[in-house]
Amino acid sequence: MIDFSGYTAKSIERAMLSQVPDNIDTREGSIIQTAVGPVAWYLEGTYMLLKQMQDNAYADSAVGQFLDLIVQERGLRRKVATSAVRKGIFDAEVESGSRFKTINGADSVIFVTGKLLSSAEHSYIYAMTCQTSGTIGNHYTGNLLPVTAIPNLTLAVIGEIITAGTEEETDEALRKRYFETFQTTAFGGNIQSYRNEILSIPGVGAVQVYPVWNGGGTVLCSILDDEWMPALPAMIEQVQNKICPSENGETTPSANGYGVAPIGAAVTVTTATPLELDISCDIAFISGVSDGEKIYQHEIKQKIQEYLDSIKESWGNPLKGYKVDYSITVYISRIIYSILSIPQISNVARVRINGSEDDLPLIETAKLQQIPVLGEVVVNGE
């Protein structure tokens, strides 16, 4: 790697002027200095471009489309943003393609009706697709404002998520997937092969793979969505159908090789079970801070959430070794460390997770995979 950091306009100008004979005036404002100054600025820009080219030639530092080109050599593609699909409830029949707007100010989006899911007297439920891709379509729940005129319509509500919208895969997430392909070669349905295939599906953020979980030829794949939360049923079904669908009329996955899984492998796709963590702690604040437990309640909860998010991001990473094991533990010391990053807090004591002062190891087995979800946070001032 060439270090281009020293090639600034000043250093380039200094180097050029050093080549001028001593009997020629090179002071600022002189003819020579006036001539080489603009050249030095131009060359600095050229070196900046050279640095950019060098950075984008390696997966560790490439960004955007340059990273896309590099990962294609390993058969990877960046996961594109997808639109949320929600249930829309109406008290009149609505034509397919009708448009409705959410009522939440600057964050409002348009939903378009699709197929009819169910109907009863004065109740019609349709699948609705958000016109804007990304997670923005996941958040609003409530009344809708019709953009398309609908006769006899007096009720329009957006409700349950069928398929969550996802953002475009970030450079860091794509880079991580790329480097993971070098750790173990994907081949013929080994663990790495399942990981590569499932993690390439838009909306999937993590996966745990358990081979021979229910006898020979069986594989269990537990997934999280791209926000590291339990996957919705539609996402589980999507992954199941790609990896190992069932045959017509069957409810169990087929081992006959209709999906990505090799012949002879019956793959079951599931998701993690959320484990709610109620956390309490005693907080001492620096002098001059009063009612700190109330003022900093939200910030303390946010710091604990950031720690739990870091745990969830590692949920799908297996322990190194030949036995497939996953280990997720919520540590008391890490909670204390995260809270102490708030400058106004001087000490943290008596941290309890669900009433216990011990670290909390989560269950990660083929029978049960847990994911931590932050519940109530109680802050007691000392």
Protein backbone atom coordinates (compact mmCIF):
# COMPACT_ATOMS: atom_id res chain seq x y z
CA MET A 1 0.00 0.00 0.00
CA ILE A 2 1.29 3.43 -0.94
CA ASP A 3 0.90 6.14 1.68
CA PHE A 4 -0.46 9.19 -0.14
CA SER A 5 -1.12 11.22 3.01
CA GLY A 6 2.05 13.28 2.66
CA TYR A 7 1.28 14.50 -0.84
CA THR A 8 -0.33 17.80 0.08
CA ALA A 9 -0.20 20.94 -2.04
CA LYS A 10 2.26 22.57 0.39
CA SER A 11 4.62 19.58 0.48
CA ILE A 12 4.51 19.21 -3.32
CA GLU A 13 5.18 22.93 -3.80
CA ARG A 14 8.05 22.74 -1.31
CA ALA A 15 9.55 19.77 -3.17
CA MET A 16 9.33 21.55 -6.54
CA LEU A 17 10.82 24.78 -5.24
CA SER A 18 13.70 22.84 -3.70
CA GLN A 19 14.78 21.92 -7.24
CA VAL A 20 15.12 25.59 -8.27
CA PRO A 21 18.70 26.99 -8.20
CA ASP A 22 19.56 29.08 -5.14
CA ASN A 23 20.17 32.23 -7.19
CA ILE A 24 16.52 32.38 -8.31
CA ASP A 25 13.90 34.00 -6.08
CA THR A 26 11.36 31.44 -4.79
CA ARG A 27 9.72 33.51 -2.10
CA GLU A 28 5.91 33.72 -1.94
CA GLY A 29 4.70 36.01 -4.72
CA SER A 30 7.75 35.41 -6.87
CA ILE A 31 7.36 34.36 -10.51
CA ILE A 32 8.53 30.77 -9.79
CA GLN A 33 6.30 30.36 -6.73
CA THR A 34 3.33 31.85 -8.58
CA ALA A 35 3.89 29.39 -11.43
CA VAL A 36 4.28 26.17 -9.40
CA GLY A 37 1.59 26.94 -6.79
CA PRO A 38 -1.42 26.06 -8.99
CA VAL A 39 0.42 22.98 -10.27
CA ALA A 40 0.92 21.80 -6.67
CA TRP A 41 -2.78 22.19 -5.92
CA TYR A 42 -3.64 20.24 -9.07
CA LEU A 43 -1.22 17.46 -8.20
CA GLU A 44 -2.69 17.19 -4.68
CA GLY A 45 -6.06 16.44 -6.31
CA THR A 46 -4.41 13.84 -8.52
CA TYR A 47 -2.89 12.09 -5.51
CA MET A 48 -6.28 12.16 -3.79
CA LEU A 49 -7.74 10.35 -6.79
CA LEU A 50 -4.89 7.83 -6.69
CA LYS A 51 -5.60 7.17 -3.00
CA GLN A 52 -9.29 6.71 -3.78
CA MET A 53 -8.42 4.24 -6.55
CA GLN A 54 -6.12 2.32 -4.23
CA ASP A 55 -8.70 2.17 -1.43
CA ASN A 56 -11.40 0.94 -3.80
CA ALA A 57 -9.16 -1.81 -5.13
CA TYR A 58 -9.35 -3.78 -1.83
CA ALA A 59 -12.40 -5.24 -0.15
CA ASP A 60 -11.30 -3.99 3.27
CA SER A 61 -11.55 -0.33 2.20
CA ALA A 62 -13.73 -0.30 -0.95
CA VAL A 63 -17.12 1.41 -0.80
CA GLY A 64 -20.30 1.54 -2.86
CA GLN A 65 -20.20 0.25 -6.41
CA PHE A 66 -16.50 -0.60 -6.13
CA LEU A 67 -17.25 -3.01 -3.28
CA ASP A 68 -20.10 -4.44 -5.37
CA LEU A 69 -17.64 -5.24 -8.16
CA ILE A 70 -15.19 -6.93 -5.77
CA VAL A 71 -17.76 -9.17 -4.05
CA GLN A 72 -19.14 -10.31 -7.40
CA GLU A 73 -15.93 -12.31 -7.78
CA ARG A 74 -17.21 -14.49 -4.90
CA GLY A 75 -20.70 -14.74 -6.37
CA LEU A 76 -22.20 -12.23 -3.92
CA ARG A 77 -24.67 -9.46 -4.60
CA ARG A 78 -25.69 -6.56 -2.38
CA LYS A 79 -29.16 -7.12 -0.91
CA VAL A 80 -31.51 -4.49 -2.32
CA ALA A 81 -34.08 -2.53 -0.34
CA THR A 82 -37.56 -4.09 -0.24
CA SER A 83 -41.00 -2.63 0.40
CA ALA A 84 -43.18 -3.46 3.38
CA VAL A 85 -46.34 -5.48 2.79
CA ARG A 86 -49.05 -4.81 5.38
CA LYS A 87 -52.65 -5.79 6.04
CA GLY A 88 -55.20 -3.10 5.20
CA ILE A 89 -58.63 -3.25 6.83
CA PHE A 90 -61.59 -1.55 5.09
CA ASP A 91 -65.37 -1.46 5.50
CA ALA A 92 -65.97 -1.53 1.73
CA GLU A 93 -64.55 -3.36 -1.24
CA VAL A 94 -61.43 -1.73 -2.67
CA GLU A 95 -60.10 -2.19 -6.17
CA SER A 96 -56.60 -3.56 -6.64
CA GLY A 97 -54.13 -0.73 -7.21
CA SER A 98 -55.99 1.80 -5.05
CA ARG A 99 -53.68 4.19 -3.21
CA PHE A 100 -53.82 5.25 0.44
CA LYS A 101 -51.61 7.61 2.44
CA THR A 102 -50.52 7.22 6.05
CA ILE A 103 -51.33 10.10 8.39
CA ASN A 104 -48.01 10.79 10.09
CA GLY A 105 -46.76 14.10 8.71
CA ALA A 106 -43.38 14.24 7.00
CA ASP A 107 -42.94 10.47 7.35
CA SER A 108 -46.16 9.63 5.49
CA VAL A 109 -45.94 7.08 2.68
CA ILE A 110 -48.29 5.66 0.07
CA PHE A 111 -49.64 2.09 0.26
CA VAL A 112 -51.19 0.34 -2.73
CA THR A 113 -53.83 -2.38 -2.33
CA GLY A 114 -53.21 -5.85 -3.72
CA LYS A 115 -55.06 -9.13 -3.39
CA LEU A 116 -58.00 -9.69 -1.05
CA LEU A 117 -56.90 -11.79 1.94
CA SER A 118 -60.25 -12.26 3.67
CA SER A 119 -63.69 -10.72 3.89
CA ALA A 120 -66.69 -10.63 6.16
CA GLU A 121 -69.69 -8.37 6.54
CA HIS A 122 -68.43 -4.78 6.27
CA SER A 123 -64.83 -5.97 6.74
CA TYR A 124 -62.35 -6.49 3.93
CA ILE A 125 -58.68 -7.23 4.48
CA TYR A 126 -56.22 -6.63 1.64
CA ALA A 127 -52.48 -7.02 1.23
CA MET A 128 -50.98 -3.54 0.80
CA THR A 129 -47.52 -2.73 -0.55
CA CYS A 130 -45.65 0.42 0.40
CA GLN A 131 -44.56 2.48 -2.60
CA THR A 132 -41.39 3.53 -0.76
CA SER A 133 -38.88 0.77 -0.19
CA GLY A 134 -37.10 0.40 3.15
CA THR A 135 -38.13 0.16 6.78
CA ILE A 136 -40.20 3.35 6.66
CA GLY A 137 -43.23 1.27 5.69
CA ASN A 138 -42.97 -0.83 8.87
CA HIS A 139 -43.57 1.85 11.47
CA TYR A 140 -46.97 3.48 11.08
CA THR A 141 -50.14 1.79 12.30
CA GLY A 142 -53.49 3.54 12.23
CA ASN A 143 -55.95 5.27 9.92
CA LEU A 144 -55.26 5.78 6.22
CA LEU A 145 -56.27 8.67 3.99
CA PRO A 146 -57.60 7.49 0.59
CA VAL A 147 -55.86 9.01 -2.41
CA THR A 148 -58.03 6.99 -4.78
CA ALA A 149 -61.75 7.67 -4.46
CA ILE A 150 -63.53 4.63 -3.00
CA PRO A 151 -67.37 4.55 -2.97
CA ASN A 152 -69.01 3.95 0.44
CA LEU A 153 -65.67 3.77 2.25
CA THR A 154 -65.71 5.13 5.82
CA LEU A 155 -62.93 3.05 7.44
CA ALA A 156 -59.36 2.47 6.23
CA VAL A 157 -56.70 1.19 8.64
CA ILE A 158 -53.17 -0.14 8.10
CA GLY A 159 -52.37 -3.00 10.45
CA GLU A 160 -50.23 -6.10 10.83
CA ILE A 161 -46.97 -6.51 8.92
CA ILE A 162 -47.02 -9.38 6.43
CA THR A 163 -43.51 -8.84 5.08
CA ALA A 164 -41.27 -6.23 6.67
CA GLY A 165 -39.59 -3.65 4.45
CA THR A 166 -35.78 -3.70 4.51
CA GLU A 167 -33.06 -1.19 3.74
CA GLU A 168 -30.34 -1.74 1.16
CA GLU A 169 -27.47 -3.76 2.59
CA THR A 170 -24.76 -1.53 4.02
CA ASP A 171 -21.13 -1.65 2.93
CA GLU A 172 -20.08 -3.08 6.30
CA ALA A 173 -22.69 -5.86 6.21
CA LEU A 174 -21.74 -6.79 2.64
CA ARG A 175 -18.04 -6.67 3.50
CA LYS A 176 -18.63 -9.00 6.45
CA ARG A 177 -20.45 -11.50 4.23
CA TYR A 178 -17.62 -11.30 1.71
CA PHE A 179 -14.86 -12.07 4.20
CA GLU A 180 -16.93 -14.86 5.73
CA THR A 181 -16.79 -16.75 2.42
CA PHE A 182 -13.03 -17.19 2.95
CA GLN A 183 -13.32 -18.67 6.44
CA THR A 184 -14.76 -22.01 5.32
CA THR A 185 -15.37 -23.14 1.78
CA ALA A 186 -19.04 -23.55 0.93
CA PHE A 187 -19.53 -27.01 -0.56
CA GLY A 188 -22.43 -29.37 -1.16
CA GLY A 189 -24.65 -28.34 1.73
CA ASN A 190 -22.08 -27.88 4.48
CA ILE A 191 -22.75 -25.31 7.20
CA GLN A 192 -21.02 -22.49 5.33
CA SER A 193 -23.09 -23.25 2.23
CA TYR A 194 -26.33 -22.83 4.19
CA ARG A 195 -25.05 -19.61 5.78
CA ASN A 196 -24.06 -18.10 2.42
CA GLU A 197 -27.37 -18.94 0.77
CA ILE A 198 -29.62 -17.79 3.62
CA LEU A 199 -27.70 -14.60 4.40
CA SER A 200 -27.96 -13.59 0.72
CA ILE A 201 -31.78 -13.39 1.01
CA PRO A 202 -33.03 -9.79 1.47
CA GLY A 203 -34.35 -9.23 4.97
CA VAL A 204 -32.25 -11.93 6.68
CA GLY A 205 -29.69 -10.54 9.11
CA ALA A 206 -28.38 -13.65 10.89
CA VAL A 207 -28.71 -17.44 10.87
CA GLN A 208 -27.84 -20.32 13.17
CA VAL A 209 -27.38 -23.71 11.47
CA TYR A 210 -27.90 -26.96 13.40
CA PRO A 211 -27.05 -30.13 11.43
CA VAL A 212 -28.65 -33.52 12.25
CA TRP A 213 -30.92 -31.85 14.78
CA ASN A 214 -33.73 -34.40 14.44
CA GLY A 215 -31.95 -37.43 13.05
CA GLY A 216 -29.89 -38.13 9.96
CA GLY A 217 -30.57 -35.90 6.97
CA THR A 218 -32.24 -33.12 9.00
CA VAL A 219 -30.99 -29.55 9.29
CA LEU A 220 -32.42 -26.67 11.35
CA CYS A 221 -31.81 -23.07 10.29
CA SER A 222 -32.95 -20.37 12.72
CA ILE A 223 -33.01 -16.84 11.30
CA LEU A 224 -33.33 -13.22 12.42
CA ASP A 225 -34.47 -10.29 10.31
CA ASP A 226 -32.04 -7.56 9.29
CA GLU A 227 -32.76 -5.65 12.51
CA TRP A 228 -31.73 -8.77 14.49
CA MET A 229 -35.22 -9.49 15.72
CA PRO A 230 -37.33 -12.66 15.32
CA ALA A 231 -38.35 -13.06 11.69
CA LEU A 232 -41.99 -12.67 10.64
CA PRO A 233 -43.89 -15.75 9.35
CA ALA A 234 -43.75 -14.47 5.76
CA MET A 235 -39.96 -14.19 5.94
CA ILE A 236 -39.65 -17.68 7.41
CA GLU A 237 -41.85 -19.03 4.61
CA GLN A 238 -39.79 -17.21 1.97
CA VAL A 239 -36.52 -18.70 3.25
CA GLN A 240 -38.11 -22.13 3.65
CA ASN A 241 -39.35 -22.14 0.06
CA LYS A 242 -35.95 -21.17 -1.29
CA ILE A 243 -33.89 -23.58 0.79
CA CYS A 244 -36.14 -26.60 1.16
CA PRO A 245 -39.84 -26.34 0.19
CA SER A 246 -42.42 -28.99 0.94
CA GLU A 247 -43.99 -31.10 -1.77
CA ASN A 248 -47.58 -30.54 -2.89
CA GLY A 249 -49.98 -31.23 -0.06
CA GLU A 250 -47.22 -31.80 2.49
CA THR A 251 -46.57 -29.69 5.57
CA THR A 252 -43.00 -30.84 6.23
CA PRO A 253 -39.92 -29.89 4.16
CA SER A 254 -39.08 -32.34 1.39
CA ALA A 255 -35.67 -34.03 1.24
CA ASN A 256 -35.97 -34.51 -2.53
CA GLY A 257 -33.86 -31.49 -3.42
CA TYR A 258 -36.47 -29.07 -4.78
CA GLY A 259 -34.71 -26.09 -3.22
CA VAL A 260 -31.11 -25.06 -2.66
CA ALA A 261 -30.57 -27.85 -0.11
CA PRO A 262 -28.99 -31.01 -1.54
CA ILE A 263 -31.00 -34.19 -2.14
CA GLY A 264 -31.46 -36.08 1.12
CA ALA A 265 -31.48 -33.03 3.38
CA ALA A 266 -34.76 -32.00 5.02
CA VAL A 267 -34.21 -28.40 6.17
CA THR A 268 -36.52 -26.73 8.66
CA VAL A 269 -36.45 -22.92 8.89
CA THR A 270 -37.50 -21.27 12.12
CA THR A 271 -36.70 -18.13 14.12
CA ALA A 272 -35.51 -17.16 17.58
CA THR A 273 -37.69 -16.73 20.65
CA PRO A 274 -37.47 -13.27 22.28
CA LEU A 275 -36.37 -13.23 25.92
CA GLU A 276 -37.45 -10.02 27.64
CA LEU A 277 -34.88 -8.59 30.04
CA ASP A 278 -36.03 -6.33 32.86
CA ILE A 279 -33.00 -4.48 34.23
CA SER A 280 -32.64 -2.52 37.45
CA CYS A 281 -29.60 -0.69 38.79
CA ASP A 282 -28.42 1.81 41.40
CA ILE A 283 -26.82 4.89 39.88
CA ALA A 284 -24.57 7.50 41.53
CA PHE A 285 -24.27 10.82 39.70
CA ILE A 286 -21.53 13.41 39.83
CA SER A 287 -21.98 16.28 42.25
CA GLY A 288 -24.39 18.94 41.07
CA VAL A 289 -26.74 16.52 39.31
CA SER A 290 -30.15 16.23 40.98
CA ASP A 291 -32.98 13.91 39.96
CA GLY A 292 -30.50 12.22 37.63
CA GLU A 293 -32.41 8.94 37.69
CA LYS A 294 -35.31 10.75 36.00
CA ILE A 295 -33.33 13.05 33.72
CA TYR A 296 -31.03 10.34 32.37
CA GLN A 297 -33.53 7.45 32.40
CA HIS A 298 -33.92 7.49 28.60
CA GLU A 299 -30.18 7.80 27.93
CA ILE A 300 -29.38 4.92 30.30
CA LYS A 301 -31.93 2.74 28.57
CA GLN A 302 -30.47 3.71 25.20
CA LYS A 303 -26.96 2.71 26.30
CA ILE A 304 -28.19 -0.67 27.53
CA GLN A 305 -30.06 -1.14 24.23
CA GLU A 306 -26.86 -0.41 22.29
CA TYR A 307 -25.08 -3.14 24.25
CA LEU A 308 -27.87 -5.64 23.59
CA ASP A 309 -27.77 -4.70 19.90
CA SER A 310 -24.08 -5.62 19.80
CA ILE A 311 -24.95 -8.99 21.33
CA LYS A 312 -27.68 -9.60 18.77
CA GLU A 313 -25.31 -8.82 15.91
CA SER A 314 -23.12 -11.75 17.00
CA TRP A 315 -26.08 -14.11 17.51
CA GLY A 316 -25.42 -16.07 14.31
CA ASN A 317 -21.65 -16.41 14.72
CA PRO A 318 -20.72 -20.00 15.66
CA LEU A 319 -17.92 -20.71 18.10
CA LYS A 320 -14.70 -21.80 16.45
CA GLY A 321 -14.28 -25.57 16.40
CA TYR A 322 -15.66 -28.68 14.77
CA LYS A 323 -18.78 -28.84 16.94
CA VAL A 324 -21.55 -26.44 16.05
CA ASP A 325 -22.14 -24.25 19.12
CA TYR A 326 -23.57 -20.78 19.59
CA SER A 327 -23.00 -18.84 22.78
CA ILE A 328 -24.81 -15.64 23.74
CA THR A 329 -24.39 -14.18 27.24
CA VAL A 330 -25.59 -10.88 28.68
CA TYR A 331 -22.84 -9.72 31.04
CA ILE A 332 -23.47 -7.54 34.07
CA SER A 333 -20.04 -5.92 33.66
CA ARG A 334 -20.81 -4.89 30.09
CA ILE A 335 -24.08 -3.27 31.19
CA ILE A 336 -22.16 -1.32 33.84
CA TYR A 337 -19.54 -0.29 31.27
CA SER A 338 -22.19 0.91 28.83
CA ILE A 339 -23.94 3.01 31.50
CA LEU A 340 -20.67 4.51 32.74
CA SER A 341 -20.04 5.91 29.26
CA ILE A 342 -22.51 8.67 30.26
CA PRO A 343 -20.26 11.46 31.65
CA GLN A 344 -22.70 12.54 34.40
CA ILE A 345 -22.67 9.06 36.02
CA SER A 346 -19.92 8.26 38.53
CA ASN A 347 -20.86 4.75 39.66
CA VAL A 348 -23.19 1.85 38.86
CA ALA A 349 -24.09 -0.84 41.41
CA ARG A 350 -26.53 -3.67 42.05
CA VAL A 351 -27.34 -4.34 38.41
CA ARG A 352 -30.01 -7.02 38.15
CA ILE A 353 -31.25 -8.88 35.09
CA ASN A 354 -34.73 -10.25 35.69
CA GLY A 355 -34.06 -10.01 39.43
CA SER A 356 -30.65 -11.72 39.39
CA GLU A 357 -27.21 -10.15 39.86
CA ASP A 358 -25.58 -12.92 37.77
CA ASP A 359 -24.65 -12.88 34.10
CA LEU A 360 -27.41 -14.31 31.92
CA PRO A 361 -26.45 -17.02 29.40
CA LEU A 362 -29.13 -17.43 26.74
CA ILE A 363 -30.26 -20.81 25.48
CA GLU A 364 -28.96 -21.50 21.99
CA THR A 365 -29.82 -25.07 21.01
CA ALA A 366 -31.68 -26.78 18.19
CA LYS A 367 -34.77 -26.92 20.44
CA LEU A 368 -34.70 -23.26 21.51
CA GLN A 369 -32.83 -20.20 20.26
CA GLN A 370 -33.23 -17.07 22.35
CA ILE A 371 -32.65 -13.43 21.44
CA PRO A 372 -32.51 -10.69 24.13
CA VAL A 373 -35.15 -7.97 24.03
CA LEU A 374 -34.97 -5.04 26.43
CA GLY A 375 -37.96 -4.75 28.73
CA GLU A 376 -38.36 -2.38 31.68
CA VAL A 377 -35.36 -0.42 32.95
CA VAL A 378 -35.56 0.77 36.57
CA VAL A 379 -33.00 3.35 37.71
CA ASN A 380 -32.55 3.98 41.42
CA GLY A 381 -30.53 7.00 42.54
CA GLU A 382 -27.95 6.55 45.28
